[in-house]
Amino acid sequence: MLWNIWRPLLIILGIVFTCDLISLFVDLNANKEEEEFVIRSFSMCSFVLSLLLSVRVNIAYNRWWTLRSGYGSAVYGVADLVRRATSCVPDMSQVLELQRWGAVWANCIYAFIGWQPALPPAIDQLLAPEEAQALRAAAKQRHYALQRLRMLVLQASSSLSTSQAVTLDDAMTKAQAGAGACGAIRCTATPLVLRYTCTGLILLWLAIVALIRIGYPNWLSLPMTLLLGLCMLCVDELASQMENAPHLVSLEALLVDAMEDAANSVAEAEQHRAAVWGWRTKGGLSGPEAYQGAAAVARAGSGAVQLGPPGLCNGDENC
């Protein structure tokens, strides 16, 4: 993937080859004082170059890691919100709405970070035509989707206890914080001065290495120069690619995996609630005894929290 290094590398090797040819026919040996001056100057230049290169690589890595962790927190935060809602929100229709608008918000973030010219086609599958039109008409689609998701969280929390409402709000806050962190990557960039200065100094530094060898022809140094140039240019190219963080992060794979987790949580919750309701009515059983037995079976089968039919655990923290 380091496709931008072969041209400068060939230039450096050409300089080395030319210097060795010149040294065969022209006596360019410098005196001791000139050699000492050149060596000291070159050492100072090497220190500055290593410092600039370290700063650039550090900035580029921070950009990549911020985007990776922030986007992961956002999309998996939506999945966590849906998972928590399945365990405490009694109305399953509200859980499905949270899942739907959570997926819409995650797709809006994906389009924003990935510099997509339009919203993903998945938006049309998730929303009604009127909702999709209102979303596209918004100035910032991700903020519109976030507002709708926040309203759904508030509506779902109105029928819950304080601790359950705090649980949902905590998941929503973490997802929103991750989206803000990775969204800031698009609005900031590595200073162009640092990028061009670092790349230019690397090329000059490698050229100076070749020019210093004038007067001391040694064809065996060609492989060493190749290795040195390859290492320096690879590090610089690595920093250049990491500055474009969205192309190095599997945004679509993270989005698909997180939405699958949310869908699986909803499907499992529906199965558990159906199982609990079936145990409650099977064999003429009724009352809390049947529900407790069904809930125990559901917990033992999947390790999930206790789930019940709509309205059964409304307002009860221990249910």
Protein backbone atom coordinates (compact mmCIF):
# COMPACT_ATOMS: atom_id res chain seq x y z
CA MET A 1 0.00 0.00 0.00
CA LEU A 2 3.02 2.30 0.09
CA TRP A 3 2.57 3.37 -3.53
CA ASN A 4 4.06 6.89 -3.28
CA ILE A 5 7.65 6.02 -2.37
CA TRP A 6 9.05 4.40 -5.50
CA ARG A 7 9.64 7.63 -7.42
CA PRO A 8 11.61 9.47 -4.72
CA LEU A 9 13.43 6.23 -3.93
CA LEU A 10 14.55 5.89 -7.55
CA ILE A 11 15.67 9.53 -7.53
CA ILE A 12 17.81 8.98 -4.44
CA LEU A 13 19.38 5.84 -5.91
CA GLY A 14 20.08 7.75 -9.11
CA ILE A 15 21.89 10.43 -7.12
CA VAL A 16 23.97 7.80 -5.34
CA PHE A 17 24.85 6.10 -8.61
CA THR A 18 25.81 9.43 -10.21
CA CYS A 19 28.00 10.40 -7.25
CA ASP A 20 29.86 7.11 -7.46
CA LEU A 21 30.45 7.60 -11.17
CA ILE A 22 31.77 11.12 -10.59
CA SER A 23 34.10 9.85 -7.89
CA LEU A 24 35.69 7.43 -10.34
CA PHE A 25 36.89 10.18 -12.66
CA VAL A 26 37.18 13.31 -10.48
CA ASP A 27 39.20 13.69 -7.29
CA LEU A 28 36.84 15.51 -4.90
CA ASN A 29 38.33 14.53 -1.55
CA ALA A 30 37.73 17.29 0.97
CA ASN A 31 40.07 18.27 3.75
CA LYS A 32 39.53 17.30 7.38
CA GLU A 33 38.04 20.64 8.46
CA GLU A 34 35.42 20.59 5.73
CA GLU A 35 34.52 17.01 6.55
CA GLU A 36 34.04 17.84 10.22
CA PHE A 37 31.80 20.81 9.38
CA VAL A 38 29.68 18.72 7.04
CA ILE A 39 29.32 15.92 9.60
CA ARG A 40 28.23 18.29 12.38
CA SER A 41 25.77 20.12 10.16
CA PHE A 42 24.34 16.85 8.95
CA SER A 43 23.93 15.60 12.53
CA MET A 44 21.94 18.70 13.50
CA CYS A 45 19.76 18.32 10.42
CA SER A 46 19.15 14.67 11.31
CA PHE A 47 17.96 15.64 14.79
CA VAL A 48 15.49 18.21 13.43
CA LEU A 49 14.24 15.73 10.85
CA SER A 50 13.65 12.98 13.40
CA LEU A 51 11.81 15.44 15.66
CA LEU A 52 9.50 16.63 12.87
CA LEU A 53 8.86 13.09 11.71
CA SER A 54 7.99 11.96 15.24
CA VAL A 55 5.56 14.86 15.67
CA ARG A 56 3.88 14.13 12.36
CA VAL A 57 3.50 10.41 13.01
CA ASN A 58 2.11 11.12 16.48
CA ILE A 59 -0.48 13.58 15.15
CA ALA A 60 -1.50 11.20 12.37
CA TYR A 61 -1.85 8.27 14.77
CA ASN A 62 -3.96 10.34 17.16
CA ARG A 63 -6.29 11.27 14.30
CA TRP A 64 -6.67 7.63 13.28
CA TRP A 65 -7.23 6.36 16.81
CA THR A 66 -9.69 9.16 17.65
CA LEU A 67 -11.78 8.31 14.61
CA ARG A 68 -11.62 4.57 15.27
CA SER A 69 -12.55 4.80 18.94
CA GLY A 70 -15.06 7.63 18.49
CA TYR A 71 -16.98 6.04 15.65
CA GLY A 72 -16.94 2.69 17.41
CA SER A 73 -18.32 4.31 20.56
CA ALA A 74 -21.08 5.99 18.54
CA VAL A 75 -22.39 3.00 16.60
CA TYR A 76 -21.92 0.46 19.39
CA GLY A 77 -23.41 3.01 21.78
CA VAL A 78 -26.59 2.84 19.70
CA ALA A 79 -26.54 -0.95 19.95
CA ASP A 80 -26.02 -0.69 23.71
CA LEU A 81 -28.93 1.76 23.97
CA VAL A 82 -31.23 -0.68 22.20
CA ARG A 83 -29.98 -3.56 24.33
CA ARG A 84 -30.67 -1.67 27.55
CA ALA A 85 -34.07 -0.59 26.28
CA THR A 86 -35.09 -4.20 25.65
CA SER A 87 -34.49 -4.99 29.31
CA CYS A 88 -36.41 -2.12 30.89
CA VAL A 89 -38.84 -0.52 28.41
CA PRO A 90 -42.18 -2.37 28.65
CA ASP A 91 -43.56 -1.20 25.30
CA MET A 92 -41.83 -3.10 22.50
CA SER A 93 -42.97 -0.58 19.90
CA GLN A 94 -40.85 2.08 21.62
CA VAL A 95 -37.85 -0.25 21.52
CA LEU A 96 -38.35 -0.76 17.79
CA GLU A 97 -38.51 3.01 17.26
CA LEU A 98 -35.27 3.43 19.18
CA GLN A 99 -33.66 0.79 17.00
CA ARG A 100 -34.95 2.40 13.81
CA TRP A 101 -33.85 5.96 14.55
CA GLY A 102 -30.63 4.73 16.09
CA ALA A 103 -29.79 3.11 12.76
CA VAL A 104 -30.75 6.32 10.94
CA TRP A 105 -28.47 8.38 13.17
CA ALA A 106 -25.59 5.94 12.74
CA ASN A 107 -25.97 6.08 8.94
CA CYS A 108 -25.99 9.89 9.03
CA ILE A 109 -22.72 9.87 11.00
CA TYR A 110 -21.25 7.41 8.51
CA ALA A 111 -22.14 9.69 5.60
CA PHE A 112 -20.71 12.75 7.36
CA ILE A 113 -17.40 11.20 8.36
CA GLY A 114 -16.89 9.38 5.07
CA TRP A 115 -17.50 12.54 3.01
CA GLN A 116 -20.46 10.88 1.29
CA PRO A 117 -22.22 13.19 -1.21
CA ALA A 118 -25.62 11.83 -0.15
CA LEU A 119 -27.16 9.79 2.63
CA PRO A 120 -26.80 6.00 2.35
CA PRO A 121 -29.62 4.09 0.58
CA ALA A 122 -30.36 2.32 3.86
CA ILE A 123 -32.06 5.52 5.05
CA ASP A 124 -34.92 5.01 2.57
CA GLN A 125 -35.48 1.50 3.88
CA LEU A 126 -35.65 2.68 7.49
CA LEU A 127 -37.89 5.73 7.09
CA ALA A 128 -41.23 6.51 5.55
CA PRO A 129 -41.16 8.84 2.51
CA GLU A 130 -42.29 11.81 4.59
CA GLU A 131 -39.67 11.13 7.26
CA ALA A 132 -36.91 10.69 4.69
CA GLN A 133 -37.90 13.94 3.00
CA ALA A 134 -37.85 15.82 6.30
CA LEU A 135 -34.46 14.33 7.13
CA ARG A 136 -32.92 15.36 3.81
CA ALA A 137 -34.40 18.85 4.11
CA ALA A 138 -32.65 19.39 7.45
CA ALA A 139 -29.53 21.57 7.51
CA LYS A 140 -27.59 18.87 9.35
CA GLN A 141 -29.13 15.43 8.97
CA ARG A 142 -27.15 13.88 11.82
CA HIS A 143 -28.42 16.52 14.26
CA TYR A 144 -32.00 16.00 13.10
CA ALA A 145 -31.73 12.24 13.60
CA LEU A 146 -30.07 12.75 16.99
CA GLN A 147 -32.90 15.03 18.10
CA ARG A 148 -35.51 12.44 17.14
CA LEU A 149 -33.56 9.73 18.94
CA ARG A 150 -33.29 11.89 22.05
CA MET A 151 -37.04 12.51 22.01
CA LEU A 152 -37.68 8.78 21.78
CA VAL A 153 -35.38 8.17 24.74
CA LEU A 154 -37.29 10.76 26.77
CA GLN A 155 -40.63 9.21 25.83
CA ALA A 156 -39.43 5.74 26.77
CA SER A 157 -37.97 7.00 30.05
CA SER A 158 -41.23 8.64 31.14
CA SER A 159 -42.69 5.27 32.15
CA LEU A 160 -39.53 3.99 33.84
CA SER A 161 -38.04 4.38 37.27
CA THR A 162 -35.22 6.85 37.87
CA SER A 163 -32.47 4.24 37.76
CA GLN A 164 -33.77 2.75 34.50
CA ALA A 165 -34.06 6.20 32.90
CA VAL A 166 -30.50 7.01 33.95
CA THR A 167 -29.35 3.76 32.33
CA LEU A 168 -30.82 4.76 28.97
CA ASP A 169 -29.53 8.30 29.22
CA ASP A 170 -26.03 7.07 30.05
CA ALA A 171 -25.92 4.89 26.93
CA MET A 172 -27.19 7.77 24.80
CA THR A 173 -24.62 10.16 26.27
CA LYS A 174 -21.73 7.81 25.52
CA ALA A 175 -22.87 7.35 21.93
CA GLN A 176 -23.23 11.09 21.45
CA ALA A 177 -19.78 11.75 22.93
CA GLY A 178 -18.22 9.25 20.52
CA ALA A 179 -19.97 10.86 17.56
CA GLY A 180 -18.71 14.29 18.59
CA ALA A 181 -15.13 13.05 18.92
CA CYS A 182 -14.98 11.41 15.50
CA GLY A 183 -16.91 14.25 13.89
CA ALA A 184 -14.23 16.70 14.97
CA ILE A 185 -11.70 14.77 12.84
CA ARG A 186 -13.38 15.98 9.67
CA CYS A 187 -13.11 19.61 10.75
CA THR A 188 -9.41 19.45 11.67
CA ALA A 189 -6.37 18.47 9.66
CA THR A 190 -2.63 18.15 9.99
CA PRO A 191 -0.92 21.49 9.22
CA LEU A 192 0.23 21.53 5.60
CA VAL A 193 3.44 23.25 6.66
CA LEU A 194 4.35 20.28 8.84
CA ARG A 195 3.49 17.80 6.10
CA TYR A 196 5.44 19.51 3.33
CA THR A 197 8.36 20.42 5.55
CA CYS A 198 8.71 16.87 6.83
CA THR A 199 8.48 15.26 3.39
CA GLY A 200 10.80 17.83 1.81
CA LEU A 201 13.41 17.47 4.53
CA ILE A 202 13.39 13.69 4.14
CA LEU A 203 14.12 13.99 0.43
CA LEU A 204 16.85 16.58 1.04
CA TRP A 205 18.31 14.48 3.86
CA LEU A 206 18.56 11.41 1.65
CA ALA A 207 20.08 13.50 -1.15
CA ILE A 208 22.68 14.92 1.24
CA VAL A 209 23.57 11.37 2.30
CA ALA A 210 24.33 10.64 -1.33
CA LEU A 211 26.27 13.86 -1.93
CA ILE A 212 28.49 13.30 1.12
CA ARG A 213 29.71 10.09 -0.51
CA ILE A 214 31.34 11.98 -3.39
CA GLY A 215 35.02 11.13 -3.32
CA TYR A 216 34.48 7.81 -1.54
CA PRO A 217 33.08 5.45 -4.21
CA ASN A 218 31.74 2.25 -2.76
CA TRP A 219 29.23 0.31 -4.83
CA LEU A 220 28.33 -1.88 -1.86
CA SER A 221 26.71 1.14 -0.24
CA LEU A 222 23.92 1.12 -2.83
CA PRO A 223 21.92 -1.59 -0.99
CA MET A 224 22.41 0.28 2.31
CA THR A 225 21.20 3.51 0.74
CA LEU A 226 18.21 1.63 -0.65
CA LEU A 227 17.35 0.29 2.81
CA LEU A 228 17.81 3.69 4.48
CA GLY A 229 15.70 5.48 1.89
CA LEU A 230 13.04 2.79 2.04
CA CYS A 231 12.74 3.10 5.83
CA MET A 232 12.54 6.90 5.85
CA LEU A 233 10.10 7.16 2.96
CA CYS A 234 7.89 4.37 4.35
CA VAL A 235 7.52 6.17 7.67
CA ASP A 236 6.66 9.41 5.88
CA GLU A 237 4.14 7.66 3.63
CA LEU A 238 2.63 5.91 6.64
CA ALA A 239 2.04 9.28 8.29
CA SER A 240 0.51 10.61 5.05
CA GLN A 241 -1.96 7.75 4.86
CA MET A 242 -2.91 7.91 8.54
CA GLU A 243 -3.78 11.59 8.12
CA ASN A 244 -6.63 10.43 5.87
CA ALA A 245 -8.12 8.40 8.69
CA PRO A 246 -11.56 7.54 7.18
CA HIS A 247 -9.87 5.45 4.48
CA LEU A 248 -8.00 3.38 7.10
CA VAL A 249 -11.01 2.62 9.31
CA SER A 250 -13.64 0.07 8.29
CA LEU A 251 -16.54 2.44 8.92
CA GLU A 252 -19.08 0.38 7.01
CA ALA A 253 -18.05 -2.87 8.71
CA LEU A 254 -18.39 -1.28 12.16
CA LEU A 255 -21.79 0.15 11.23
CA VAL A 256 -23.12 -3.16 9.93
CA ASP A 257 -21.83 -5.11 12.93
CA ALA A 258 -23.31 -2.66 15.44
CA MET A 259 -26.72 -2.62 13.74
CA GLU A 260 -26.71 -6.43 13.66
CA ASP A 261 -26.06 -6.43 17.42
CA ALA A 262 -29.02 -4.10 17.93
CA ALA A 263 -31.28 -6.27 15.75
CA ASN A 264 -30.20 -9.42 17.60
CA SER A 265 -30.97 -7.77 20.95
CA VAL A 266 -34.48 -6.91 19.79
CA ALA A 267 -35.08 -10.40 18.39
CA GLU A 268 -33.88 -12.07 21.58
CA ALA A 269 -36.02 -9.75 23.69
CA GLU A 270 -39.12 -10.61 21.68
CA GLN A 271 -38.40 -14.33 22.10
CA HIS A 272 -37.94 -13.98 25.85
CA ARG A 273 -41.11 -11.96 26.26
CA ALA A 274 -43.07 -14.46 24.19
CA ALA A 275 -41.64 -17.31 26.27
CA VAL A 276 -42.56 -15.58 29.52
CA TRP A 277 -46.08 -14.88 28.33
CA GLY A 278 -46.46 -18.47 27.13
CA TRP A 279 -45.40 -19.87 30.50
CA ARG A 280 -47.81 -17.54 32.22
CA THR A 281 -50.84 -18.85 30.34
CA LYS A 282 -49.79 -22.49 29.84
CA GLY A 283 -51.57 -25.19 31.86
CA GLY A 284 -53.97 -22.77 33.49
CA LEU A 285 -51.22 -21.13 35.52
CA SER A 286 -51.70 -17.51 36.45
CA GLY A 287 -50.36 -14.92 38.80
CA PRO A 288 -46.79 -14.07 39.78
CA GLU A 289 -45.81 -17.71 40.30
CA ALA A 290 -46.12 -18.53 36.60
CA TYR A 291 -44.29 -15.38 35.62
CA GLN A 292 -41.42 -16.01 38.05
CA GLY A 293 -40.97 -19.56 36.73
CA ALA A 294 -40.91 -18.40 33.12
CA ALA A 295 -38.49 -15.60 33.90
CA ALA A 296 -36.16 -18.03 35.65
CA VAL A 297 -36.14 -20.27 32.57
CA ALA A 298 -35.45 -17.30 30.30
CA ARG A 299 -32.56 -16.10 32.46
CA ALA A 300 -31.04 -19.56 32.70
CA GLY A 301 -31.27 -20.09 28.94
CA SER A 302 -29.52 -16.95 27.79
CA GLY A 303 -28.11 -15.08 30.76
CA ALA A 304 -30.37 -12.15 29.90
CA VAL A 305 -32.15 -9.95 32.35
CA GLN A 306 -35.73 -10.68 33.32
CA LEU A 307 -38.19 -9.70 30.59
CA GLY A 308 -41.95 -9.66 30.63
CA PRO A 309 -44.93 -8.84 28.45
CA PRO A 310 -45.84 -5.18 27.85
CA GLY A 311 -46.96 -3.40 30.97
CA LEU A 312 -46.10 -6.21 33.36
CA CYS A 313 -42.97 -4.63 34.88
CA ASN A 314 -43.94 -1.01 34.47
CA GLY A 315 -42.36 1.04 37.26
CA ASP A 316 -40.85 -1.92 39.10
CA GLU A 317 -37.04 -1.71 39.40
CA ASN A 318 -36.69 -5.30 40.59
CA CYS A 319 -38.74 -6.80 37.79
